[in-house]
Amino acid sequence: MLEVVQRAPALYGLARSRWWLAGVQQTIAWLGPLSIAGVWQLLARLDIHYKRGRHYTHSPDLAYDDKLALIAQAYEAAWLNPQQVVFLYQDEFTYYRYPLLANEYGQAGHDDVRASLDYTKNRRMRLAACLDALTGRVLVQQATTFPVSTLLGFFRSVEAAYPLAKRIYVVLDNWPVHLHPTLLASLQHSKLVFLPLPTYAPWLNPTEKVWLKLCQDVLYLHRFQDDWLALQQRVLTWFDQFALGSPALLKFVGLLV
C-alpha cells in the first residue's frame, strides 16, 4: 500500500497529480470489493492518512519501473551466464582525515569516548568502487577527485579486471560525471554497459552499504588523525579482503540471503 501511495499516480497510468481514494482502489486490485469508506478505513488502520503536503526538492523519475526492469534483466543475464556477463553496482564516497563520530563502550559518568583531533587542517579523499553482485568482489580506486579523466581510467581498469567477460553491466547513479558525453564516447566500444538508477534512489544501490561497513570497521572514531597517509593505506588495505570476492559482504549488503 505504501509503495503505491508514495509514488506518482502517473506511474500507474492515472491522469491525476495526487492520490484519491477511488484511484487507490482502482490501482490495487484486491481493494476492489471494498466501498470507498472501506478503503478509507483500511488506510487509517494502516496509519496512512490524508496529510498536508510540504515543499521539498525532489525529481520524480517517471522511468522508475523501466529502469528497474532493465537492471533486473541484466542481473538475470549475469546469473545465467556468469562467465561471460558481469553485473556491478558502482558508487563514490568521500572520507576525511578527522574521525567520524560514533558510539563506543566507555565507563558511565565519564567523558571518555572521544574522537581526537589535531591542529592541522582536515583533509578529504574520494573513493570509487564497483561491487560484483554475484561474487562480492570489490574493485576500488582512491583519488583526491574524480573528474572525467580519472573516472575514465577507473572504468577502464574495471573492464580489464574481467578479461573473459563479453559484457559488463554497471549500475550507477545519475551524478553528471557518470553520464558526461566525453566519458560515454570514450567507452562506446568497450564491454561496459551503463544502467542508470532511478533519480534520488540510493537505497537501490548496495554499494552504499559497502561504505557503511567501511565506516563501521575503519572510519568511525579512527586513531589516524595524526597520520593522513596511514589512514589512506588502512582504507585500501581494508578493501583487500574483498579483492577475490566475499559471500559475507554480499550478505551484509543484502544481495545474499
Protein backbone atom coordinates (compact mmCIF):
# COMPACT_ATOMS: atom_id res chain seq x y z
CA MET A 1 0.00 0.00 0.00
CA LEU A 2 2.77 2.44 0.93
CA GLU A 3 4.67 1.59 -2.23
CA VAL A 4 1.70 2.78 -4.24
CA VAL A 5 0.75 5.97 -2.38
CA GLN A 6 4.36 7.16 -2.12
CA ARG A 7 4.68 7.21 -5.90
CA ALA A 8 3.06 9.43 -8.52
CA PRO A 9 -0.33 8.28 -9.88
CA ALA A 10 1.07 8.86 -13.38
CA LEU A 11 3.33 5.84 -12.91
CA TYR A 12 0.15 3.75 -12.81
CA GLY A 13 -1.42 5.39 -15.85
CA LEU A 14 -3.68 7.73 -13.88
CA ALA A 15 -4.10 11.32 -15.10
CA ARG A 16 -4.04 12.91 -11.64
CA SER A 17 -1.28 14.68 -9.74
CA ARG A 18 -2.15 13.18 -6.33
CA TRP A 19 -3.91 10.17 -4.90
CA TRP A 20 -7.60 9.92 -4.11
CA LEU A 21 -9.50 7.01 -2.57
CA ALA A 22 -11.07 5.75 -5.78
CA GLY A 23 -7.69 5.95 -7.51
CA VAL A 24 -6.05 3.86 -4.79
CA GLN A 25 -8.87 1.32 -5.08
CA GLN A 26 -8.54 1.25 -8.85
CA THR A 27 -4.77 0.69 -8.68
CA ILE A 28 -4.70 -2.03 -6.01
CA ALA A 29 -6.84 -4.85 -7.33
CA TRP A 30 -7.58 -6.55 -4.01
CA LEU A 31 -9.31 -3.37 -2.76
CA GLY A 32 -11.99 -3.80 -5.43
CA PRO A 33 -14.66 -5.42 -3.21
CA LEU A 34 -14.47 -2.60 -0.64
CA SER A 35 -16.57 0.54 -0.60
CA ILE A 36 -14.84 3.93 -0.72
CA ALA A 37 -15.50 4.24 3.03
CA GLY A 38 -13.96 0.81 3.49
CA VAL A 39 -10.80 1.90 1.60
CA TRP A 40 -10.57 4.94 3.87
CA GLN A 41 -10.95 2.80 6.99
CA LEU A 42 -8.29 0.37 5.81
CA LEU A 43 -5.84 3.20 5.09
CA ALA A 44 -6.49 4.64 8.55
CA ARG A 45 -5.90 1.24 10.13
CA LEU A 46 -2.54 1.08 8.34
CA ASP A 47 -1.62 4.60 9.55
CA ILE A 48 -1.83 6.02 6.03
CA HIS A 49 -3.62 9.36 6.32
CA TYR A 50 -4.67 12.29 4.15
CA LYS A 51 -1.92 14.78 5.03
CA ARG A 52 -0.97 18.32 4.15
CA GLY A 53 1.88 18.50 1.64
CA ARG A 54 5.21 20.20 2.31
CA HIS A 55 7.66 21.79 -0.09
CA TYR A 56 10.90 19.93 -0.70
CA THR A 57 13.34 19.33 -3.53
CA HIS A 58 12.82 16.14 -5.50
CA SER A 59 12.98 14.96 -9.08
CA PRO A 60 10.42 12.19 -9.63
CA ASP A 61 11.58 9.68 -12.20
CA LEU A 62 8.73 8.61 -14.49
CA ALA A 63 11.05 5.94 -15.93
CA TYR A 64 11.44 4.33 -12.47
CA ASP A 65 9.87 0.99 -13.40
CA ASP A 66 11.56 0.86 -16.82
CA LYS A 67 15.00 1.39 -15.27
CA LEU A 68 14.41 -1.27 -12.63
CA ALA A 69 13.23 -3.70 -15.32
CA LEU A 70 16.44 -3.21 -17.32
CA ILE A 71 18.54 -3.71 -14.19
CA ALA A 72 16.63 -6.90 -13.33
CA GLN A 73 17.14 -8.25 -16.86
CA ALA A 74 20.87 -7.54 -16.70
CA TYR A 75 21.17 -9.25 -13.31
CA GLU A 76 19.36 -12.31 -14.63
CA ALA A 77 21.67 -12.45 -17.66
CA ALA A 78 24.73 -12.38 -15.36
CA TRP A 79 23.20 -15.03 -13.08
CA LEU A 80 22.52 -17.38 -16.02
CA ASN A 81 25.90 -16.83 -17.70
CA PRO A 82 28.42 -15.58 -15.10
CA GLN A 83 31.45 -16.44 -17.23
CA GLN A 84 30.52 -14.00 -19.98
CA VAL A 85 28.25 -11.45 -18.28
CA VAL A 86 29.24 -9.37 -15.25
CA PHE A 87 26.85 -7.31 -13.12
CA LEU A 88 28.30 -4.50 -10.99
CA TYR A 89 27.00 -1.74 -8.73
CA GLN A 90 29.13 1.42 -8.76
CA ASP A 91 29.35 4.44 -6.45
CA GLU A 92 31.68 7.09 -5.00
CA PHE A 93 32.35 8.02 -1.38
CA THR A 94 34.28 10.72 0.49
CA TYR A 95 36.13 10.16 3.77
CA TYR A 96 38.08 12.59 5.92
CA ARG A 97 41.22 12.82 8.00
CA TYR A 98 39.20 13.68 11.09
CA PRO A 99 37.44 10.62 12.57
CA LEU A 100 33.69 10.18 12.26
CA LEU A 101 31.72 10.27 15.49
CA ALA A 102 30.07 7.04 16.62
CA ASN A 103 29.17 5.08 19.75
CA GLU A 104 31.77 3.13 21.69
CA TYR A 105 31.89 1.45 25.09
CA GLY A 106 33.02 3.64 27.96
CA GLN A 107 32.60 3.99 31.68
CA ALA A 108 29.33 5.54 32.82
CA GLY A 109 29.70 9.03 34.22
CA HIS A 110 33.00 9.70 32.45
CA ASP A 111 33.58 11.63 29.25
CA ASP A 112 36.00 9.07 27.83
CA VAL A 113 34.59 8.25 24.36
CA ARG A 114 36.36 10.82 22.24
CA ALA A 115 37.36 11.41 18.64
CA SER A 116 40.74 13.08 18.82
CA LEU A 117 41.59 15.99 16.51
CA ASP A 118 44.82 17.87 16.00
CA TYR A 119 45.69 21.38 14.88
CA THR A 120 46.21 20.59 11.22
CA LYS A 121 43.65 21.15 8.50
CA ASN A 122 41.04 18.46 7.89
CA ARG A 123 41.51 16.75 4.53
CA ARG A 124 39.36 14.52 2.37
CA MET A 125 39.81 11.63 -0.05
CA ARG A 126 37.46 10.16 -2.63
CA LEU A 127 36.82 6.50 -3.41
CA ALA A 128 35.22 4.94 -6.47
CA ALA A 129 34.17 1.32 -6.21
CA CYS A 130 32.39 -1.40 -8.16
CA LEU A 131 30.69 -4.21 -6.26
CA ASP A 132 30.21 -7.50 -8.10
CA ALA A 133 26.64 -8.53 -7.27
CA LEU A 134 27.34 -12.25 -7.80
CA THR A 135 30.71 -12.72 -6.08
CA GLY A 136 31.10 -9.86 -3.62
CA ARG A 137 34.32 -8.75 -5.32
CA VAL A 138 35.06 -5.04 -4.89
CA LEU A 139 37.21 -3.03 -7.29
CA VAL A 140 38.26 0.29 -5.78
CA GLN A 141 40.31 3.34 -6.72
CA GLN A 142 41.34 6.22 -4.47
CA ALA A 143 41.88 9.80 -5.67
CA THR A 144 41.53 13.34 -4.40
CA THR A 145 38.85 14.00 -7.03
CA PHE A 146 37.14 12.09 -9.81
CA PRO A 147 36.90 14.28 -12.89
CA VAL A 148 36.03 12.66 -16.21
CA SER A 149 39.62 11.65 -16.96
CA THR A 150 40.15 9.92 -13.61
CA LEU A 151 36.78 8.19 -13.71
CA LEU A 152 37.51 7.01 -17.24
CA GLY A 153 40.72 5.41 -16.01
CA PHE A 154 38.81 3.70 -13.22
CA PHE A 155 36.24 2.23 -15.61
CA ARG A 156 38.98 1.03 -17.94
CA SER A 157 40.62 -0.78 -15.01
CA VAL A 158 37.25 -2.36 -14.17
CA GLU A 159 36.93 -3.61 -17.72
CA ALA A 160 40.47 -5.02 -17.62
CA ALA A 161 39.65 -6.92 -14.41
CA TYR A 162 37.20 -9.12 -16.35
CA PRO A 163 39.17 -10.21 -19.45
CA LEU A 164 36.85 -13.15 -20.24
CA ALA A 165 33.61 -11.18 -19.99
CA LYS A 166 31.77 -10.21 -23.14
CA ARG A 167 29.51 -7.70 -21.39
CA ILE A 168 29.87 -5.82 -18.11
CA TYR A 169 26.74 -4.14 -16.77
CA VAL A 170 27.42 -1.23 -14.41
CA VAL A 171 24.53 0.11 -12.34
CA LEU A 172 25.22 3.66 -11.18
CA ASP A 173 23.51 6.81 -10.01
CA ASN A 174 22.84 9.96 -12.01
CA TRP A 175 25.89 12.00 -10.99
CA PRO A 176 26.53 14.16 -14.09
CA VAL A 177 30.12 12.90 -14.44
CA HIS A 178 28.80 9.34 -14.89
CA LEU A 179 26.85 10.46 -17.95
CA HIS A 180 29.32 13.00 -19.30
CA PRO A 181 29.43 12.89 -23.13
CA THR A 182 33.23 12.60 -23.17
CA LEU A 183 33.14 9.63 -20.80
CA LEU A 184 30.38 7.87 -22.73
CA ALA A 185 32.08 8.50 -26.07
CA SER A 186 35.37 7.11 -24.77
CA LEU A 187 33.66 3.91 -23.59
CA GLN A 188 31.29 3.36 -26.50
CA HIS A 189 33.39 0.48 -27.88
CA SER A 190 34.09 -1.11 -24.51
CA LYS A 191 32.35 -4.05 -22.84
CA LEU A 192 30.77 -1.70 -20.31
CA VAL A 193 27.04 -1.02 -20.41
CA PHE A 194 25.85 1.69 -18.00
CA LEU A 195 22.43 1.26 -16.37
CA PRO A 196 21.35 4.43 -14.54
CA LEU A 197 19.37 4.05 -11.34
CA PRO A 198 16.13 5.99 -10.85
CA THR A 199 16.89 9.51 -9.67
CA TYR A 200 17.39 10.02 -5.94
CA ALA A 201 17.12 6.32 -5.08
CA PRO A 202 20.30 5.45 -3.12
CA TRP A 203 18.54 2.55 -1.37
CA LEU A 204 18.65 0.70 -4.70
CA ASN A 205 22.47 0.71 -4.73
CA PRO A 206 24.00 -1.91 -2.39
CA THR A 207 27.40 -0.16 -2.66
CA GLU A 208 26.02 2.33 -0.14
CA LYS A 209 26.24 -0.46 2.45
CA VAL A 210 29.85 -1.13 1.49
CA TRP A 211 30.55 2.44 2.60
CA LEU A 212 28.61 1.78 5.79
CA LYS A 213 30.77 -1.25 6.57
CA LEU A 214 33.92 0.76 5.81
CA CYS A 215 32.78 3.34 8.34
CA GLN A 216 31.98 0.69 10.93
CA ASP A 217 35.31 -1.10 10.52
CA VAL A 218 37.73 1.76 9.83
CA LEU A 219 36.44 5.34 9.84
CA TYR A 220 34.31 5.63 12.99
CA LEU A 221 36.49 7.01 15.82
CA HIS A 222 39.69 6.08 13.98
CA ARG A 223 43.09 6.93 15.52
CA PHE A 224 44.82 8.10 12.34
CA GLN A 225 44.12 11.82 12.75
CA ASP A 226 47.89 12.43 13.04
CA ASP A 227 48.83 10.29 10.04
CA TRP A 228 46.83 11.03 6.91
CA LEU A 229 48.88 8.71 4.68
CA ALA A 230 48.48 5.82 7.12
CA LEU A 231 44.70 6.28 7.08
CA GLN A 232 44.63 6.18 3.28
CA GLN A 233 46.65 2.97 3.32
CA ARG A 234 44.42 1.48 6.02
CA VAL A 235 41.36 2.11 3.84
CA LEU A 236 42.95 0.42 0.82
CA THR A 237 44.13 -2.50 2.95
CA TRP A 238 40.57 -2.95 4.23
CA PHE A 239 39.36 -3.40 0.65
CA ASP A 240 41.97 -6.12 0.01
CA GLN A 241 39.76 -8.66 1.80
CA PHE A 242 37.17 -8.32 -0.99
CA ALA A 243 39.60 -8.48 -3.93
CA LEU A 244 38.66 -12.08 -4.76
CA GLY A 245 35.03 -11.93 -3.69
CA SER A 246 33.18 -12.24 -0.39
CA PRO A 247 29.87 -14.02 0.29
CA ALA A 248 29.88 -12.37 3.73
CA LEU A 249 29.90 -8.93 2.11
CA LEU A 250 27.05 -9.93 -0.21
CA LYS A 251 25.06 -10.97 2.84
CA PHE A 252 25.84 -7.69 4.60
CA VAL A 253 24.66 -5.55 1.68
CA GLY A 254 21.54 -7.68 1.17
CA LEU A 255 22.44 -9.46 -2.07
CA LEU A 256 22.83 -12.88 -0.47
CA VAL A 257 20.09 -14.23 1.80
